[in-house]
C-alpha atoms as a PDB file:
ATOM      1  CA  MET A   1      57.976 144.993  58.399  1.00  0.00           C
ATOM      2  CA  SER A   2      60.358 146.088  61.166  1.00  0.00           C
ATOM      3  CA  GLY A   3      60.787 144.329  64.526  1.00  0.00           C
ATOM      4  CA  ALA A   4      58.615 146.917  66.318  1.00  0.00           C
ATOM      5  CA  PRO A   5      55.404 145.553  67.795  1.00  0.00           C
ATOM      6  CA  LEU A   6      52.158 146.526  66.111  1.00  0.00           C
ATOM      7  CA  THR A   7      49.921 148.950  67.918  1.00  0.00           C
ATOM      8  CA  GLY A   8      48.061 147.167  70.674  1.00  0.00           C
ATOM      9  CA  GLN A   9      50.425 144.186  70.752  1.00  0.00           C
ATOM     10  CA  ARG A  10      52.453 143.442  73.837  1.00  0.00           C
ATOM     11  CA  PRO A  11      56.136 142.623  73.665  1.00  0.00           C
ATOM     12  CA  PRO A  12      56.972 138.976  74.312  1.00  0.00           C
ATOM     13  CA  ARG A  13      56.945 138.004  77.993  1.00  0.00           C
ATOM     14  CA  GLN A  14      60.403 137.865  79.532  1.00  0.00           C
ATOM     15  CA  PRO A  15      61.347 134.760  81.504  1.00  0.00           C
ATOM     16  CA  ARG A  16      61.509 135.187  85.276  1.00  0.00           C
ATOM     17  CA  THR A  17      65.008 134.037  86.004  1.00  0.00           C
ATOM     18  CA  GLY A  18      65.891 136.141  89.046  1.00  0.00           C
ATOM     19  CA  VAL A  19      68.570 138.035  87.120  1.00  0.00           C
ATOM     20  CA  THR A  20      68.512 141.222  85.092  1.00  0.00           C
ATOM     21  CA  SER A  21      69.660 141.467  81.485  1.00  0.00           C
ATOM     22  CA  THR A  22      73.136 142.394  82.774  1.00  0.00           C
ATOM     23  CA  GLY A  23      73.371 139.252  84.905  1.00  0.00           C
ATOM     24  CA  ALA A  24      72.859 140.969  88.271  1.00  0.00           C
ATOM     25  CA  ARG A  25      70.421 139.363  90.671  1.00  0.00           C
ATOM     26  CA  LYS A  26      67.030 141.051  90.831  1.00  0.00           C
ATOM     27  CA  ALA A  27      66.220 142.689  94.143  1.00  0.00           C
ATOM     28  CA  ALA A  28      63.399 140.258  94.887  1.00  0.00           C
ATOM     29  CA  SER A  29      65.740 137.267  94.686  1.00  0.00           C
ATOM     30  CA  LYS A  30      68.414 138.642  97.022  1.00  0.00           C
ATOM     31  CA  ALA A  31      69.026 137.158 100.455  1.00  0.00           C
ATOM     32  CA  PRO A  32      68.877 139.423 103.528  1.00  0.00           C
ATOM     33  CA  ARG A  33      72.654 139.202 104.051  1.00  0.00           C
ATOM     34  CA  THR A  34      73.298 140.094 100.419  1.00  0.00           C
ATOM     35  CA  ARG A  35      71.113 143.154 100.874  1.00  0.00           C
ATOM     36  CA  ALA A  36      72.963 143.984 104.114  1.00  0.00           C
ATOM     37  CA  ARG A  37      76.271 143.896 102.217  1.00  0.00           C
ATOM     38  CA  GLU A  38      74.864 146.217  99.540  1.00  0.00           C
ATOM     39  CA  PHE A  39      73.680 148.735 102.115  1.00  0.00           C
ATOM     40  CA  ALA A  40      76.974 148.401 103.999  1.00  0.00           C
ATOM     41  CA  LEU A  41      78.873 149.062 100.763  1.00  0.00           C
ATOM     42  CA  GLN A  42      76.873 152.240 100.170  1.00  0.00           C
ATOM     43  CA  ALA A  43      77.422 153.311 103.773  1.00  0.00           C
ATOM     44  CA  LEU A  44      81.170 152.614 103.649  1.00  0.00           C
ATOM     45  CA  TYR A  45      81.371 154.586 100.408  1.00  0.00           C
ATOM     46  CA  GLN A  46      79.853 157.557 102.255  1.00  0.00           C
ATOM     47  CA  HIS A  47      82.440 157.095 104.975  1.00  0.00           C
ATOM     48  CA  LEU A  48      85.381 156.843 102.565  1.00  0.00           C
ATOM     49  CA  VAL A  49      84.349 159.642 100.207  1.00  0.00           C
ATOM     50  CA  GLY A  50      82.386 162.010 102.419  1.00  0.00           C
ATOM     51  CA  ARG A  51      84.221 161.252 105.670  1.00  0.00           C
ATOM     52  CA  ASN A  52      80.785 161.040 107.278  1.00  0.00           C
ATOM     53  CA  GLU A  53      80.427 159.683 110.813  1.00  0.00           C
ATOM     54  CA  ALA A  54      79.294 156.047 111.047  1.00  0.00           C
ATOM     55  CA  GLY A  55      76.351 156.895 113.316  1.00  0.00           C
ATOM     56  CA  ALA A  56      74.956 159.465 110.892  1.00  0.00           C
ATOM     57  CA  ILE A  57      75.475 157.119 107.946  1.00  0.00           C
ATOM     58  CA  ASP A  58      73.750 154.331 109.867  1.00  0.00           C
ATOM     59  CA  ALA A  59      70.674 156.473 110.594  1.00  0.00           C
ATOM     60  CA  PHE A  60      70.491 157.668 106.981  1.00  0.00           C
ATOM     61  CA  THR A  61      70.868 154.155 105.542  1.00  0.00           C
ATOM     62  CA  ARG A  62      68.145 152.644 107.724  1.00  0.00           C
ATOM     63  CA  ASP A  63      65.679 155.091 106.133  1.00  0.00           C
ATOM     64  CA  LEU A  64      66.460 153.954 102.583  1.00  0.00           C
ATOM     65  CA  ALA A  65      63.864 151.990 100.634  1.00  0.00           C
ATOM     66  CA  GLY A  66      64.350 148.255 100.962  1.00  0.00           C
ATOM     67  CA  PHE A  67      66.433 148.336 104.141  1.00  0.00           C
ATOM     68  CA  ASN A  68      63.692 146.441 105.970  1.00  0.00           C
ATOM     69  CA  LYS A  69      64.524 143.398 103.795  1.00  0.00           C
ATOM     70  CA  ALA A  70      68.205 143.471 104.800  1.00  0.00           C
ATOM     71  CA  ASP A  71      69.788 141.619 107.714  1.00  0.00           C
ATOM     72  CA  ALA A  72      70.134 144.637 110.022  1.00  0.00           C
ATOM     73  CA  ALA A  73      72.490 142.874 112.447  1.00  0.00           C
ATOM     74  CA  HIS A  74      74.879 141.940 109.630  1.00  0.00           C
ATOM     75  CA  PHE A  75      74.682 145.491 108.271  1.00  0.00           C
ATOM     76  CA  ASP A  76      75.594 146.828 111.741  1.00  0.00           C
ATOM     77  CA  ALA A  77      78.522 144.434 112.023  1.00  0.00           C
ATOM     78  CA  LEU A  78      79.852 145.367 108.578  1.00  0.00           C
ATOM     79  CA  LEU A  79      79.426 149.133 108.815  1.00  0.00           C
ATOM     80  CA  HIS A  80      80.622 149.655 112.366  1.00  0.00           C
ATOM     81  CA  GLY A  81      83.168 146.830 112.246  1.00  0.00           C
ATOM     82  CA  CYS A  82      84.807 148.115 109.057  1.00  0.00           C
ATOM     83  CA  VAL A  83      84.854 151.722 110.272  1.00  0.00           C
ATOM     84  CA  ASP A  84      86.157 150.768 113.733  1.00  0.00           C
ATOM     85  CA  HIS A  85      88.838 148.424 112.331  1.00  0.00           C
ATOM     86  CA  CYS A  86      89.665 150.307 109.107  1.00  0.00           C
ATOM     87  CA  ALA A  87      93.391 150.618 109.905  1.00  0.00           C
ATOM     88  CA  GLU A  88      93.657 146.908 110.681  1.00  0.00           C
ATOM     89  CA  LEU A  89      91.705 145.982 107.534  1.00  0.00           C
ATOM     90  CA  ASP A  90      93.870 148.275 105.394  1.00  0.00           C
ATOM     91  CA  ALA A  91      96.990 146.670 106.924  1.00  0.00           C
ATOM     92  CA  LEU A  92      95.718 143.253 105.789  1.00  0.00           C
ATOM     93  CA  ILE A  93      94.839 144.474 102.285  1.00  0.00           C
ATOM     94  CA  LEU A  94      97.780 146.795 101.548  1.00  0.00           C
ATOM     95  CA  PRO A  95     100.484 144.110 101.034  1.00  0.00           C
ATOM     96  CA  LEU A  96      98.324 142.520  98.328  1.00  0.00           C
ATOM     97  CA  LEU A  97      97.892 145.707  96.297  1.00  0.00           C
ATOM     98  CA  ASP A  98      99.992 146.589  93.269  1.00  0.00           C
ATOM     99  CA  ARG A  99      99.410 150.325  93.731  1.00  0.00           C
ATOM    100  CA  PRO A 100      98.928 152.806  96.573  1.00  0.00           C
ATOM    101  CA  MET A 101      95.600 152.628  98.431  1.00  0.00           C
ATOM    102  CA  ALA A 102      94.840 156.189  97.280  1.00  0.00           C
ATOM    103  CA  GLU A 103      94.615 154.879  93.701  1.00  0.00           C
ATOM    104  CA  ILE A 104      92.013 152.237  94.578  1.00  0.00           C
ATOM    105  CA  SER A 105      88.414 153.190  93.817  1.00  0.00           C
ATOM    106  CA  PRO A 106      86.360 153.814  96.972  1.00  0.00           C
ATOM    107  CA  ILE A 107      83.917 151.099  95.860  1.00  0.00           C
ATOM    108  CA  GLU A 108      86.633 148.463  95.506  1.00  0.00           C
ATOM    109  CA  HIS A 109      88.222 149.683  98.760  1.00  0.00           C
ATOM    110  CA  ALA A 110      84.915 149.280 100.614  1.00  0.00           C
ATOM    111  CA  VAL A 111      84.279 145.854  99.047  1.00  0.00           C
ATOM    112  CA  MET A 112      87.750 144.714 100.135  1.00  0.00           C
ATOM    113  CA  TRP A 113      87.022 145.985 103.666  1.00  0.00           C
ATOM    114  CA  ILE A 114      83.811 143.934 103.704  1.00  0.00           C
ATOM    115  CA  GLY A 115      85.665 140.850 102.476  1.00  0.00           C
ATOM    116  CA  ALA A 116      88.545 141.215 104.918  1.00  0.00           C
ATOM    117  CA  TYR A 117      86.147 141.879 107.802  1.00  0.00           C
ATOM    118  CA  GLU A 118      84.013 138.838 106.999  1.00  0.00           C
ATOM    119  CA  PHE A 119      87.057 136.600 106.510  1.00  0.00           C
ATOM    120  CA  LYS A 120      88.411 137.677 109.877  1.00  0.00           C
ATOM    121  CA  LEU A 121      85.325 138.056 112.052  1.00  0.00           C
ATOM    122  CA  CYS A 122      82.281 136.415 110.422  1.00  0.00           C
ATOM    123  CA  LEU A 123      83.386 132.815 110.689  1.00  0.00           C
ATOM    124  CA  ASP A 124      79.815 131.580 110.220  1.00  0.00           C
ATOM    125  CA  VAL A 125      80.036 132.716 106.576  1.00  0.00           C
ATOM    126  CA  PRO A 126      82.060 130.257 104.448  1.00  0.00           C
ATOM    127  CA  TRP A 127      85.103 131.830 102.815  1.00  0.00           C
ATOM    128  CA  ARG A 128      83.842 130.994  99.315  1.00  0.00           C
ATOM    129  CA  VAL A 129      80.561 132.787 100.051  1.00  0.00           C
ATOM    130  CA  VAL A 130      82.471 135.861 101.269  1.00  0.00           C
ATOM    131  CA  LEU A 131      84.586 135.846  98.117  1.00  0.00           C
ATOM    132  CA  ASN A 132      81.625 135.351  95.777  1.00  0.00           C
ATOM    133  CA  GLU A 133      79.489 138.015  97.471  1.00  0.00           C
ATOM    134  CA  CYS A 134      82.331 140.544  97.277  1.00  0.00           C
ATOM    135  CA  ILE A 135      82.941 139.802  93.609  1.00  0.00           C
ATOM    136  CA  GLU A 136      79.212 140.297  92.939  1.00  0.00           C
ATOM    137  CA  LEU A 137      79.239 143.615  94.850  1.00  0.00           C
ATOM    138  CA  ALA A 138      82.190 144.813  92.787  1.00  0.00           C
ATOM    139  CA  LYS A 139      80.513 143.711  89.550  1.00  0.00           C
ATOM    140  CA  GLU A 140      77.272 145.481  90.396  1.00  0.00           C
ATOM    141  CA  PHE A 141      78.623 148.706  91.905  1.00  0.00           C
ATOM    142  CA  GLY A 142      82.268 148.991  90.846  1.00  0.00           C
ATOM    143  CA  GLY A 143      84.161 149.819  87.697  1.00  0.00           C
ATOM    144  CA  THR A 144      84.297 147.651  84.593  1.00  0.00           C
ATOM    145  CA  ASP A 145      87.027 145.253  85.747  1.00  0.00           C
ATOM    146  CA  GLY A 146      87.065 146.163  89.437  1.00  0.00           C
ATOM    147  CA  HIS A 147      85.675 142.759  90.362  1.00  0.00           C
ATOM    148  CA  LYS A 148      88.785 141.088  88.936  1.00  0.00           C
ATOM    149  CA  TYR A 149      91.012 143.191  91.173  1.00  0.00           C
ATOM    150  CA  VAL A 150      88.818 142.522  94.219  1.00  0.00           C
ATOM    151  CA  ASN A 151      88.917 138.797  93.401  1.00  0.00           C
ATOM    152  CA  ALA A 152      92.710 138.775  93.177  1.00  0.00           C
ATOM    153  CA  VAL A 153      93.202 140.671  96.439  1.00  0.00           C
ATOM    154  CA  LEU A 154      90.652 138.704  98.464  1.00  0.00           C
ATOM    155  CA  ASN A 155      91.863 135.396  96.999  1.00  0.00           C
ATOM    156  CA  GLY A 156      95.309 136.362  98.250  1.00  0.00           C
ATOM    157  CA  LEU A 157      93.962 137.303 101.673  1.00  0.00           C
ATOM    158  CA  ALA A 158      91.725 134.272 102.263  1.00  0.00           C
ATOM    159  CA  PRO A 159      94.530 131.751 102.964  1.00  0.00           C
ATOM    160  CA  ALA A 160      95.985 134.013 105.659  1.00  0.00           C
ATOM    161  CA  LEU A 161      92.653 134.419 107.476  1.00  0.00           C
ATOM    162  CA  ARG A 162      90.864 131.132 106.709  1.00  0.00           C
ATOM    163  CA  MET A 163      93.802 128.709 106.374  1.00  0.00           C
ATOM    164  CA  ASP A 164      92.091 125.722 108.049  1.00  0.00           C
ATOM    165  CA  GLU A 165      88.839 126.135 106.130  1.00  0.00           C
ATOM    166  CA  ILE A 166      90.650 126.390 102.786  1.00  0.00           C
ATOM    167  CA  ALA A 167      92.856 123.387 103.577  1.00  0.00           C
ATOM    168  CA  ASN A 168      89.730 121.412 104.495  1.00  0.00           C
ATOM    169  CA  ASP A 169      88.073 122.405 101.195  1.00  0.00           C
ATOM    170  CA  ARG A 170      91.140 121.297  99.244  1.00  0.00           C
ATOM    171  CA  ALA A 171      91.312 117.984 101.090  1.00  0.00           C
ATOM    172  CA  HIS A 172      87.653 117.283 100.284  1.00  0.00           C
ATOM    173  CA  ALA A 173      88.205 118.232  96.641  1.00  0.00           C
ATOM    174  CA  ARG A 174      90.981 115.641  96.310  1.00  0.00           C
ATOM    175  CA  SER A 175      88.928 112.815  97.797  1.00  0.00           C
END
């Protein structure tokens, strides 16, 4: 007999682990700030690819299903902060790239903007959380190995923007 269930039988119950079969977190288990980063990533993608105005993107995004579960203030900070400071964020990122910015996928570009912005201006978010959240965004929405590139760039940027915090982490790790 094959592995197909018999008529009327249910497939075995799947464990509720909070992650999908691909390892991504299920929507129900995501924190409001994680959701805000996901919506901000989608909004920044619209800005980078479609050259849409931040205000129009903002209004559109707030109408998307699930936005009510996101941290709206963090979404605002990320979307408007990244768009308003895009040249400054690109200037921080560009020296760490091994290719021209035009060759970077818009998803990875937007994720790096989010990371650079949070490193620089969201000091209430620990640098390791920023790094991990950005890697997860790149895994979920980016290309196959895009998360590795994002990791390398943001790991290179973190010491410049969070020097004291990283030094403190290293000192605690040694003790």
